[in-house]
Amino acid sequence: MNRVETEFRLIESRLDEMMGKAEPDFRSVNVRVQDWSDRNYHYKNDHLFWSHSFVKEWDVGVERARITVRLSYTESLNHEGPPEIELSWRAELFQQGQQSRIDKSSKSIVSLADIERQGIYSLVEVAILEGEAYLPRAF
């Protein structure tokens, strides 16, 4: 295992441990969690990455409101500085099969130290609240 992969595995395990602690909290508030990580090298994948999405949905009349938050960490090819994790969210209001009537998004970089200090649940909860500000409440 090379130095880059060793660093990825260390951060991956820290993020996985935090996810394990946070998942019951997400389930308790009906936030769906999905692991999109690619943790092994193969012919279609030159880089390793850790990625989870967190989805909250509700009905608004005949439309559907959805907030998707994603936390992603990609194997670092730049060995300088602390690891950076991308936090992004997308808030949308749509009817099935149609273009979103509301479609807002945001992207930022958070440090691993910030995630460890605040916790994955708290970071995602804030992102969901930011997205909810653009969407109508359920009827």
C-alpha atoms as a PDB file:
ATOM      1  CA  MET A   1       0.000   0.000   0.000  1.00  0.00           C
ATOM      2  CA  ASN A   2       1.434   3.390  -0.978  1.00  0.00           C
ATOM      3  CA  ARG A   3       1.419   6.532   1.181  1.00  0.00           C
ATOM      4  CA  VAL A   4      -1.608   8.065  -0.570  1.00  0.00           C
ATOM      5  CA  GLU A   5      -3.711   4.940  -0.068  1.00  0.00           C
ATOM      6  CA  THR A   6      -2.562   4.635   3.549  1.00  0.00           C
ATOM      7  CA  GLU A   7      -3.758   8.193   4.226  1.00  0.00           C
ATOM      8  CA  PHE A   8      -7.067   7.492   2.466  1.00  0.00           C
ATOM      9  CA  ARG A   9      -7.628   4.328   4.553  1.00  0.00           C
ATOM     10  CA  LEU A  10      -6.989   6.220   7.786  1.00  0.00           C
ATOM     11  CA  ILE A  11      -9.479   8.974   6.927  1.00  0.00           C
ATOM     12  CA  GLU A  12     -11.962   6.470   5.503  1.00  0.00           C
ATOM     13  CA  SER A  13     -11.966   4.539   8.789  1.00  0.00           C
ATOM     14  CA  ARG A  14     -12.463   7.724  10.842  1.00  0.00           C
ATOM     15  CA  LEU A  15     -15.377   8.800   8.632  1.00  0.00           C
ATOM     16  CA  ASP A  16     -16.896   5.291   8.744  1.00  0.00           C
ATOM     17  CA  GLU A  17     -16.697   5.274  12.538  1.00  0.00           C
ATOM     18  CA  MET A  18     -18.485   8.630  12.727  1.00  0.00           C
ATOM     19  CA  MET A  19     -21.122   7.420  10.244  1.00  0.00           C
ATOM     20  CA  GLY A  20     -21.772   4.353  12.366  1.00  0.00           C
ATOM     21  CA  LYS A  21     -22.516   6.588  15.331  1.00  0.00           C
ATOM     22  CA  ALA A  22     -24.709   8.991  13.327  1.00  0.00           C
ATOM     23  CA  GLU A  23     -26.857   6.537  11.329  1.00  0.00           C
ATOM     24  CA  PRO A  24     -29.409   5.860  14.114  1.00  0.00           C
ATOM     25  CA  ASP A  25     -29.980   9.628  14.414  1.00  0.00           C
ATOM     26  CA  PHE A  26     -30.618   9.915  10.666  1.00  0.00           C
ATOM     27  CA  ARG A  27     -33.054   6.994  10.755  1.00  0.00           C
ATOM     28  CA  SER A  28     -34.929   8.580  13.665  1.00  0.00           C
ATOM     29  CA  VAL A  29     -35.681  11.705  11.572  1.00  0.00           C
ATOM     30  CA  ASN A  30     -36.468   9.831   8.326  1.00  0.00           C
ATOM     31  CA  VAL A  31     -33.299  10.862   6.497  1.00  0.00           C
ATOM     32  CA  ARG A  32     -32.264   8.166   4.026  1.00  0.00           C
ATOM     33  CA  VAL A  33     -28.520   7.422   3.979  1.00  0.00           C
ATOM     34  CA  GLN A  34     -26.732   5.865   1.021  1.00  0.00           C
ATOM     35  CA  ASP A  35     -23.074   4.906   0.661  1.00  0.00           C
ATOM     36  CA  TRP A  36     -21.681   5.811  -2.796  1.00  0.00           C
ATOM     37  CA  SER A  37     -18.050   5.100  -1.914  1.00  0.00           C
ATOM     38  CA  ASP A  38     -15.604   3.402  -4.232  1.00  0.00           C
ATOM     39  CA  ARG A  39     -13.137   1.810  -1.845  1.00  0.00           C
ATOM     40  CA  ASN A  40     -11.190  -0.450  -4.209  1.00  0.00           C
ATOM     41  CA  TYR A  41      -9.082   0.154  -7.271  1.00  0.00           C
ATOM     42  CA  HIS A  42     -10.274  -1.492 -10.478  1.00  0.00           C
ATOM     43  CA  TYR A  43     -10.149  -0.849 -14.203  1.00  0.00           C
ATOM     44  CA  LYS A  44     -12.914   1.778 -14.049  1.00  0.00           C
ATOM     45  CA  ASN A  45     -11.597   3.500 -10.945  1.00  0.00           C
ATOM     46  CA  ASP A  46      -8.172   5.128 -10.675  1.00  0.00           C
ATOM     47  CA  HIS A  47      -8.886   6.919  -7.399  1.00  0.00           C
ATOM     48  CA  LEU A  48     -10.507   5.857  -4.159  1.00  0.00           C
ATOM     49  CA  PHE A  49     -13.313   7.918  -2.693  1.00  0.00           C
ATOM     50  CA  TRP A  50     -15.633   7.935   0.284  1.00  0.00           C
ATOM     51  CA  SER A  51     -19.068   9.432  -0.286  1.00  0.00           C
ATOM     52  CA  HIS A  52     -22.427   9.305   1.480  1.00  0.00           C
ATOM     53  CA  SER A  53     -25.693  10.994   0.583  1.00  0.00           C
ATOM     54  CA  PHE A  54     -28.432  11.995   2.994  1.00  0.00           C
ATOM     55  CA  VAL A  55     -31.915  12.488   1.545  1.00  0.00           C
ATOM     56  CA  LYS A  56     -34.974  14.054   3.140  1.00  0.00           C
ATOM     57  CA  GLU A  57     -38.226  14.150   1.129  1.00  0.00           C
ATOM     58  CA  TRP A  58     -41.803  15.216   1.658  1.00  0.00           C
ATOM     59  CA  ASP A  59     -44.960  15.855  -0.374  1.00  0.00           C
ATOM     60  CA  VAL A  60     -46.119  19.376  -1.158  1.00  0.00           C
ATOM     61  CA  GLY A  61     -49.502  18.923  -2.792  1.00  0.00           C
ATOM     62  CA  VAL A  62     -48.861  17.150  -6.111  1.00  0.00           C
ATOM     63  CA  GLU A  63     -45.153  18.056  -5.980  1.00  0.00           C
ATOM     64  CA  ARG A  64     -42.250  16.494  -4.136  1.00  0.00           C
ATOM     65  CA  ALA A  65     -39.667  18.406  -2.092  1.00  0.00           C
ATOM     66  CA  ARG A  66     -36.238  16.823  -1.754  1.00  0.00           C
ATOM     67  CA  ILE A  67     -33.019  17.832  -0.068  1.00  0.00           C
ATOM     68  CA  THR A  68     -29.920  15.816  -0.854  1.00  0.00           C
ATOM     69  CA  VAL A  69     -26.770  16.400   1.174  1.00  0.00           C
ATOM     70  CA  ARG A  70     -23.519  14.748   0.169  1.00  0.00           C
ATOM     71  CA  LEU A  71     -20.250  14.344   2.062  1.00  0.00           C
ATOM     72  CA  SER A  72     -17.319  13.242  -0.131  1.00  0.00           C
ATOM     73  CA  TYR A  73     -13.640  12.610   0.393  1.00  0.00           C
ATOM     74  CA  THR A  74     -11.398  11.715  -2.554  1.00  0.00           C
ATOM     75  CA  GLU A  75      -8.008  10.071  -2.335  1.00  0.00           C
ATOM     76  CA  SER A  76      -5.581  12.983  -2.216  1.00  0.00           C
ATOM     77  CA  LEU A  77      -3.089  13.300  -5.036  1.00  0.00           C
ATOM     78  CA  ASN A  78      -1.849  16.535  -3.467  1.00  0.00           C
ATOM     79  CA  HIS A  79      -0.014  15.553  -0.290  1.00  0.00           C
ATOM     80  CA  GLU A  80      -0.030  19.051   1.203  1.00  0.00           C
ATOM     81  CA  GLY A  81      -2.335  20.276   3.926  1.00  0.00           C
ATOM     82  CA  PRO A  82      -5.041  18.625   5.989  1.00  0.00           C
ATOM     83  CA  PRO A  83      -7.651  16.382   4.355  1.00  0.00           C
ATOM     84  CA  GLU A  84     -10.621  18.211   2.846  1.00  0.00           C
ATOM     85  CA  ILE A  85     -14.120  16.821   2.694  1.00  0.00           C
ATOM     86  CA  GLU A  86     -16.679  18.309   0.320  1.00  0.00           C
ATOM     87  CA  LEU A  87     -20.098  19.092   1.778  1.00  0.00           C
ATOM     88  CA  SER A  88     -22.769  19.845  -0.807  1.00  0.00           C
ATOM     89  CA  TRP A  89     -26.536  20.109  -0.752  1.00  0.00           C
ATOM     90  CA  ARG A  90     -29.288  20.410  -3.324  1.00  0.00           C
ATOM     91  CA  ALA A  91     -32.863  21.455  -2.588  1.00  0.00           C
ATOM     92  CA  GLU A  92     -35.482  20.849  -5.246  1.00  0.00           C
ATOM     93  CA  LEU A  93     -39.230  20.958  -5.729  1.00  0.00           C
ATOM     94  CA  PHE A  94     -40.574  18.943  -8.648  1.00  0.00           C
ATOM     95  CA  GLN A  95     -43.319  16.834 -10.139  1.00  0.00           C
ATOM     96  CA  GLN A  96     -42.327  13.347 -11.210  1.00  0.00           C
ATOM     97  CA  GLY A  97     -41.020  13.373 -14.765  1.00  0.00           C
ATOM     98  CA  GLN A  98     -40.716  17.160 -14.946  1.00  0.00           C
ATOM     99  CA  GLN A  99     -37.943  19.662 -14.489  1.00  0.00           C
ATOM    100  CA  SER A 100     -37.551  20.993 -10.954  1.00  0.00           C
ATOM    101  CA  ARG A 101     -39.513  24.160 -10.296  1.00  0.00           C
ATOM    102  CA  ILE A 102     -37.095  25.061  -7.494  1.00  0.00           C
ATOM    103  CA  ASP A 103     -33.483  23.920  -7.718  1.00  0.00           C
ATOM    104  CA  LYS A 104     -30.936  25.454  -5.321  1.00  0.00           C
ATOM    105  CA  SER A 105     -27.554  24.115  -4.308  1.00  0.00           C
ATOM    106  CA  SER A 106     -24.455  24.911  -2.309  1.00  0.00           C
ATOM    107  CA  LYS A 107     -20.987  23.437  -1.978  1.00  0.00           C
ATOM    108  CA  SER A 108     -18.258  23.959   0.613  1.00  0.00           C
ATOM    109  CA  ILE A 109     -15.135  22.328   1.979  1.00  0.00           C
ATOM    110  CA  VAL A 110     -14.943  21.191   5.605  1.00  0.00           C
ATOM    111  CA  SER A 111     -11.960  19.835   7.423  1.00  0.00           C
ATOM    112  CA  LEU A 112     -11.853  16.417   9.023  1.00  0.00           C
ATOM    113  CA  ALA A 113     -11.215  18.197  12.334  1.00  0.00           C
ATOM    114  CA  ASP A 114     -14.472  20.168  11.926  1.00  0.00           C
ATOM    115  CA  ILE A 115     -16.395  16.968  11.224  1.00  0.00           C
ATOM    116  CA  GLU A 116     -14.869  15.275  14.250  1.00  0.00           C
ATOM    117  CA  ARG A 117     -15.654  18.300  16.438  1.00  0.00           C
ATOM    118  CA  GLN A 118     -19.228  18.872  15.219  1.00  0.00           C
ATOM    119  CA  GLY A 119     -20.208  15.355  14.176  1.00  0.00           C
ATOM    120  CA  ILE A 120     -21.588  14.200  10.851  1.00  0.00           C
ATOM    121  CA  TYR A 121     -25.189  14.403  12.045  1.00  0.00           C
ATOM    122  CA  SER A 122     -24.863  18.062  13.091  1.00  0.00           C
ATOM    123  CA  LEU A 123     -23.149  19.098   9.855  1.00  0.00           C
ATOM    124  CA  VAL A 124     -25.765  17.380   7.713  1.00  0.00           C
ATOM    125  CA  GLU A 125     -28.599  18.740   9.864  1.00  0.00           C
ATOM    126  CA  VAL A 126     -27.383  22.323   9.266  1.00  0.00           C
ATOM    127  CA  ALA A 127     -27.133  21.669   5.511  1.00  0.00           C
ATOM    128  CA  ILE A 128     -30.683  20.259   5.479  1.00  0.00           C
ATOM    129  CA  LEU A 129     -31.953  23.343   7.299  1.00  0.00           C
ATOM    130  CA  GLU A 130     -30.203  25.600   4.774  1.00  0.00           C
ATOM    131  CA  GLY A 131     -31.880  23.721   1.923  1.00  0.00           C
ATOM    132  CA  GLU A 132     -35.278  23.692   3.632  1.00  0.00           C
ATOM    133  CA  ALA A 133     -35.267  27.501   3.654  1.00  0.00           C
ATOM    134  CA  TYR A 134     -35.824  27.392  -0.143  1.00  0.00           C
ATOM    135  CA  LEU A 135     -38.678  24.874  -0.072  1.00  0.00           C
ATOM    136  CA  PRO A 136     -42.308  24.969   1.043  1.00  0.00           C
ATOM    137  CA  ARG A 137     -43.376  22.919   4.031  1.00  0.00           C
ATOM    138  CA  ALA A 138     -45.555  19.816   3.737  1.00  0.00           C
ATOM    139  CA  PHE A 139     -49.326  20.426   3.711  1.00  0.00           C
END
